[in-house]
Amino acid sequence: MPHVVTDNCQRCRFTDCVTHCPVQCFHADDERVYIDPEVCIDCSACVPICPVQAIYDSLDLPDAYAHELVINAQRSHLLPVISAHLPPLPTAESRRAELGL
């Protein structure tokens, strides 16, 4: 099963995860990143790298984030692939503090 980016990524868009992905399954907009479930190979390389704990294996996804499966699938097909590290959003550090991380 693929991995899923949750809304913990919202207002952060740390892209450390992108540089560890061997298959370029990440897509981004102005607010966050998404994983294309059709490209993700479930390697888990992105999970420990995320500084806001926004990425889950879909099998371990808490019920509160179940809607993120659909959001990632839909948004990833509308947005360009990102394969290089991007600067975090200006709100990234305050968002990480808000999340208690």
N, C-alpha and C. Protein backbone atom coordinates (compact mmCIF):
# COMPACT_ATOMS: atom_id res chain seq x y z
N MET A 1 0.84 -1.18 0.00
CA MET A 1 0.00 0.00 0.00
C MET A 1 0.89 1.25 0.00
N PRO A 2 0.43 2.29 -0.64
CA PRO A 2 1.24 3.51 -0.73
C PRO A 2 1.26 4.30 0.58
N HIS A 3 2.11 5.28 0.59
CA HIS A 3 2.18 6.20 1.71
C HIS A 3 1.30 7.41 1.41
N VAL A 4 0.97 8.15 2.46
CA VAL A 4 0.04 9.27 2.36
C VAL A 4 0.61 10.45 3.13
N VAL A 5 0.53 11.64 2.53
CA VAL A 5 0.91 12.87 3.23
C VAL A 5 -0.36 13.44 3.85
N THR A 6 -0.30 13.73 5.14
CA THR A 6 -1.46 14.28 5.85
C THR A 6 -1.38 15.80 5.91
N ASP A 7 -2.40 16.39 6.48
CA ASP A 7 -2.43 17.86 6.56
C ASP A 7 -1.45 18.43 7.58
N ASN A 8 -0.67 17.59 8.24
CA ASN A 8 0.44 18.12 9.05
C ASN A 8 1.41 18.88 8.15
N CYS A 9 1.43 18.55 6.89
CA CYS A 9 2.31 19.21 5.92
C CYS A 9 1.79 20.61 5.55
N GLN A 10 0.53 20.84 5.78
CA GLN A 10 -0.09 22.13 5.45
C GLN A 10 0.68 23.28 6.12
N ARG A 11 1.01 24.30 5.35
CA ARG A 11 1.73 25.49 5.80
C ARG A 11 3.19 25.21 6.14
N CYS A 12 3.68 24.03 5.81
CA CYS A 12 5.10 23.70 6.04
C CYS A 12 5.81 23.52 4.71
N ARG A 13 5.39 22.48 4.05
CA ARG A 13 5.99 22.05 2.79
C ARG A 13 7.49 21.86 2.90
N PHE A 14 7.89 21.20 4.00
CA PHE A 14 9.27 20.72 4.06
C PHE A 14 9.38 19.67 2.96
N THR A 15 10.41 19.67 2.21
CA THR A 15 10.51 18.70 1.11
C THR A 15 11.70 17.77 1.26
N ASP A 16 12.13 17.54 2.48
CA ASP A 16 13.21 16.58 2.74
C ASP A 16 12.81 15.21 2.19
N CYS A 17 11.53 14.89 2.30
CA CYS A 17 10.99 13.61 1.85
C CYS A 17 11.26 13.37 0.36
N VAL A 18 11.16 14.41 -0.41
CA VAL A 18 11.31 14.32 -1.86
C VAL A 18 12.69 13.82 -2.24
N THR A 19 13.70 14.27 -1.54
CA THR A 19 15.07 13.89 -1.88
C THR A 19 15.40 12.45 -1.52
N HIS A 20 14.55 11.81 -0.73
CA HIS A 20 14.77 10.41 -0.35
C HIS A 20 13.91 9.43 -1.14
N CYS A 21 13.06 9.94 -2.00
CA CYS A 21 12.14 9.10 -2.76
C CYS A 21 12.83 8.56 -4.01
N PRO A 22 12.90 7.23 -4.16
CA PRO A 22 13.58 6.67 -5.33
C PRO A 22 12.74 6.68 -6.61
N VAL A 23 11.45 7.02 -6.51
CA VAL A 23 10.58 6.93 -7.69
C VAL A 23 9.88 8.22 -8.06
N GLN A 24 10.19 9.31 -7.41
CA GLN A 24 9.60 10.61 -7.71
C GLN A 24 8.07 10.57 -7.69
N CYS A 25 7.52 10.22 -6.54
CA CYS A 25 6.06 10.15 -6.41
C CYS A 25 5.46 11.39 -5.75
N PHE A 26 6.29 12.39 -5.43
CA PHE A 26 5.80 13.58 -4.74
C PHE A 26 5.39 14.68 -5.72
N HIS A 27 4.33 15.37 -5.34
CA HIS A 27 3.80 16.50 -6.09
C HIS A 27 3.55 17.61 -5.08
N ALA A 28 3.57 18.86 -5.51
CA ALA A 28 3.41 19.96 -4.56
C ALA A 28 2.57 21.09 -5.13
N ASP A 29 1.92 21.79 -4.20
CA ASP A 29 1.25 23.04 -4.54
C ASP A 29 1.83 24.13 -3.64
N ASP A 30 1.15 25.23 -3.50
CA ASP A 30 1.67 26.35 -2.71
C ASP A 30 1.57 26.13 -1.21
N GLU A 31 0.94 25.04 -0.78
CA GLU A 31 0.71 24.81 0.65
C GLU A 31 1.37 23.55 1.22
N ARG A 32 1.52 22.51 0.38
CA ARG A 32 1.99 21.22 0.90
C ARG A 32 2.38 20.28 -0.22
N VAL A 33 2.76 19.05 0.16
CA VAL A 33 3.09 18.01 -0.83
C VAL A 33 2.06 16.88 -0.74
N TYR A 34 2.05 16.08 -1.80
CA TYR A 34 1.13 14.95 -1.92
C TYR A 34 1.91 13.78 -2.53
N ILE A 35 1.46 12.57 -2.26
CA ILE A 35 2.07 11.37 -2.83
C ILE A 35 1.11 10.76 -3.84
N ASP A 36 1.65 10.43 -5.01
CA ASP A 36 0.86 9.73 -6.02
C ASP A 36 0.83 8.25 -5.64
N PRO A 37 -0.34 7.72 -5.29
CA PRO A 37 -0.42 6.33 -4.85
C PRO A 37 -0.12 5.32 -5.96
N GLU A 38 -0.20 5.75 -7.19
CA GLU A 38 0.09 4.84 -8.31
C GLU A 38 1.59 4.73 -8.58
N VAL A 39 2.37 5.66 -8.05
CA VAL A 39 3.82 5.66 -8.28
C VAL A 39 4.58 5.20 -7.04
N CYS A 40 4.05 5.49 -5.85
CA CYS A 40 4.71 5.12 -4.60
C CYS A 40 4.96 3.61 -4.55
N ILE A 41 6.18 3.24 -4.18
CA ILE A 41 6.54 1.82 -4.09
C ILE A 41 6.57 1.33 -2.65
N ASP A 42 6.10 2.16 -1.73
CA ASP A 42 5.97 1.77 -0.33
C ASP A 42 7.30 1.42 0.32
N CYS A 43 8.33 2.19 -0.01
CA CYS A 43 9.66 1.91 0.53
C CYS A 43 9.87 2.50 1.93
N SER A 44 9.04 3.46 2.32
CA SER A 44 9.09 4.10 3.64
C SER A 44 10.29 5.02 3.84
N ALA A 45 11.07 5.29 2.82
CA ALA A 45 12.24 6.16 2.97
C ALA A 45 11.86 7.57 3.40
N CYS A 46 10.68 8.01 3.05
CA CYS A 46 10.23 9.37 3.35
C CYS A 46 9.73 9.55 4.78
N VAL A 47 9.27 8.51 5.40
CA VAL A 47 8.60 8.61 6.70
C VAL A 47 9.50 9.20 7.79
N PRO A 48 10.68 8.65 8.06
CA PRO A 48 11.49 9.19 9.16
C PRO A 48 12.10 10.56 8.86
N ILE A 49 12.10 10.96 7.61
CA ILE A 49 12.73 12.22 7.20
C ILE A 49 11.80 13.41 7.45
N CYS A 50 10.51 13.19 7.46
CA CYS A 50 9.55 14.30 7.57
C CYS A 50 9.62 14.95 8.96
N PRO A 51 9.97 16.24 9.02
CA PRO A 51 10.11 16.90 10.32
C PRO A 51 8.79 17.22 11.03
N VAL A 52 7.66 17.00 10.36
CA VAL A 52 6.36 17.26 11.00
C VAL A 52 5.50 16.00 11.06
N GLN A 53 6.12 14.86 10.87
CA GLN A 53 5.43 13.57 10.97
C GLN A 53 4.14 13.55 10.17
N ALA A 54 4.24 13.99 8.92
CA ALA A 54 3.05 14.10 8.07
C ALA A 54 2.83 12.89 7.18
N ILE A 55 3.76 11.95 7.14
CA ILE A 55 3.66 10.84 6.19
C ILE A 55 3.41 9.52 6.93
N TYR A 56 2.41 8.80 6.43
CA TYR A 56 2.05 7.51 7.01
C TYR A 56 1.93 6.46 5.91
N ASP A 57 2.21 5.22 6.26
CA ASP A 57 1.84 4.10 5.42
C ASP A 57 0.31 4.07 5.46
N SER A 58 -0.32 3.86 4.34
CA SER A 58 -1.79 3.89 4.31
C SER A 58 -2.41 2.84 5.23
N LEU A 59 -1.70 1.76 5.50
CA LEU A 59 -2.21 0.74 6.42
C LEU A 59 -2.19 1.21 7.88
N ASP A 60 -1.32 2.17 8.19
CA ASP A 60 -1.18 2.68 9.55
C ASP A 60 -1.82 4.05 9.72
N LEU A 61 -2.54 4.50 8.72
CA LEU A 61 -3.12 5.84 8.73
C LEU A 61 -4.21 5.95 9.79
N PRO A 62 -4.07 6.89 10.74
CA PRO A 62 -5.12 7.07 11.74
C PRO A 62 -6.45 7.44 11.06
N ASP A 63 -7.55 7.02 11.65
CA ASP A 63 -8.87 7.27 11.08
C ASP A 63 -9.11 8.75 10.79
N ALA A 64 -8.57 9.61 11.62
CA ALA A 64 -8.76 11.06 11.44
C ALA A 64 -8.17 11.56 10.12
N TYR A 65 -7.27 10.79 9.53
CA TYR A 65 -6.64 11.19 8.28
C TYR A 65 -7.11 10.37 7.08
N ALA A 66 -8.11 9.55 7.24
CA ALA A 66 -8.57 8.67 6.15
C ALA A 66 -8.91 9.45 4.88
N HIS A 67 -9.45 10.64 5.03
CA HIS A 67 -9.81 11.46 3.87
C HIS A 67 -8.58 11.86 3.04
N GLU A 68 -7.40 11.80 3.64
CA GLU A 68 -6.18 12.18 2.94
C GLU A 68 -5.81 11.21 1.81
N LEU A 69 -6.29 9.98 1.88
CA LEU A 69 -6.05 9.03 0.79
C LEU A 69 -6.59 9.58 -0.52
N VAL A 70 -7.81 10.07 -0.49
CA VAL A 70 -8.46 10.62 -1.68
C VAL A 70 -7.79 11.92 -2.09
N ILE A 71 -7.50 12.77 -1.13
CA ILE A 71 -6.87 14.06 -1.43
C ILE A 71 -5.53 13.85 -2.12
N ASN A 72 -4.69 12.95 -1.60
CA ASN A 72 -3.39 12.69 -2.22
C ASN A 72 -3.56 12.16 -3.64
N ALA A 73 -4.46 11.24 -3.83
CA ALA A 73 -4.68 10.66 -5.16
C ALA A 73 -5.15 11.72 -6.15
N GLN A 74 -6.09 12.53 -5.75
CA GLN A 74 -6.62 13.55 -6.65
C GLN A 74 -5.61 14.64 -6.94
N ARG A 75 -5.03 15.22 -5.89
CA ARG A 75 -4.13 16.37 -6.07
C ARG A 75 -2.84 15.97 -6.79
N SER A 76 -2.33 14.79 -6.51
CA SER A 76 -1.07 14.39 -7.15
C SER A 76 -1.20 14.31 -8.66
N HIS A 77 -2.39 13.99 -9.15
CA HIS A 77 -2.58 13.89 -10.60
C HIS A 77 -2.77 15.25 -11.27
N LEU A 78 -2.97 16.27 -10.48
CA LEU A 78 -3.18 17.62 -11.02
C LEU A 78 -1.94 18.50 -10.94
N LEU A 79 -0.96 18.08 -10.17
CA LEU A 79 0.21 18.91 -9.88
C LEU A 79 1.48 18.31 -10.46
N PRO A 80 2.49 19.14 -10.70
CA PRO A 80 3.76 18.61 -11.24
C PRO A 80 4.54 17.80 -10.21
N VAL A 81 5.31 16.88 -10.70
CA VAL A 81 6.22 16.10 -9.87
C VAL A 81 7.31 17.03 -9.37
N ILE A 82 7.69 16.87 -8.12
CA ILE A 82 8.87 17.57 -7.62
C ILE A 82 9.91 16.51 -7.28
N SER A 83 11.13 16.77 -7.69
CA SER A 83 12.18 15.79 -7.46
C SER A 83 13.40 16.39 -6.77
N ALA A 84 13.29 17.67 -6.43
CA ALA A 84 14.39 18.34 -5.75
C ALA A 84 13.85 19.08 -4.52
N HIS A 85 14.73 19.30 -3.58
CA HIS A 85 14.38 20.00 -2.36
C HIS A 85 13.95 21.43 -2.68
N LEU A 86 12.83 21.86 -2.11
CA LEU A 86 12.36 23.23 -2.22
C LEU A 86 12.51 23.90 -0.86
N PRO A 87 12.63 25.21 -0.82
CA PRO A 87 12.67 25.88 0.49
C PRO A 87 11.33 25.68 1.21
N PRO A 88 11.36 25.48 2.52
CA PRO A 88 10.10 25.37 3.27
C PRO A 88 9.33 26.70 3.17
N LEU A 89 8.06 26.64 3.42
CA LEU A 89 7.25 27.85 3.42
C LEU A 89 7.67 28.74 4.59
N PRO A 90 7.44 30.04 4.49
CA PRO A 90 7.80 30.95 5.59
C PRO A 90 7.10 30.60 6.91
N THR A 91 5.99 29.91 6.84
CA THR A 91 5.24 29.52 8.03
C THR A 91 5.64 28.15 8.58
N ALA A 92 6.64 27.53 8.00
CA ALA A 92 7.01 26.15 8.35
C ALA A 92 7.41 25.97 9.81
N GLU A 93 8.28 26.83 10.30
CA GLU A 93 8.74 26.66 11.68
C GLU A 93 7.62 26.92 12.68
N SER A 94 6.79 27.90 12.43
CA SER A 94 5.67 28.15 13.36
C SER A 94 4.67 27.00 13.30
N ARG A 95 4.48 26.42 12.13
CA ARG A 95 3.59 25.27 12.01
C ARG A 95 4.16 24.07 12.76
N ARG A 96 5.45 23.84 12.64
CA ARG A 96 6.08 22.72 13.37
C ARG A 96 5.90 22.93 14.87
N ALA A 97 6.08 24.15 15.35
CA ALA A 97 5.89 24.44 16.77
C ALA A 97 4.43 24.24 17.17
N GLU A 98 3.51 24.65 16.33
CA GLU A 98 2.08 24.45 16.57
C GLU A 98 1.74 22.98 16.73
N LEU A 99 2.42 22.13 15.95
CA LEU A 99 2.20 20.68 16.02
C LEU A 99 2.93 20.04 17.20
N GLY A 100 3.76 20.83 17.90
CA GLY A 100 4.49 20.31 19.06
C GLY A 100 5.70 19.48 18.69
N LEU A 101 6.27 19.76 17.53
CA LEU A 101 7.41 18.96 17.05
C LEU A 101 8.68 19.77 16.96
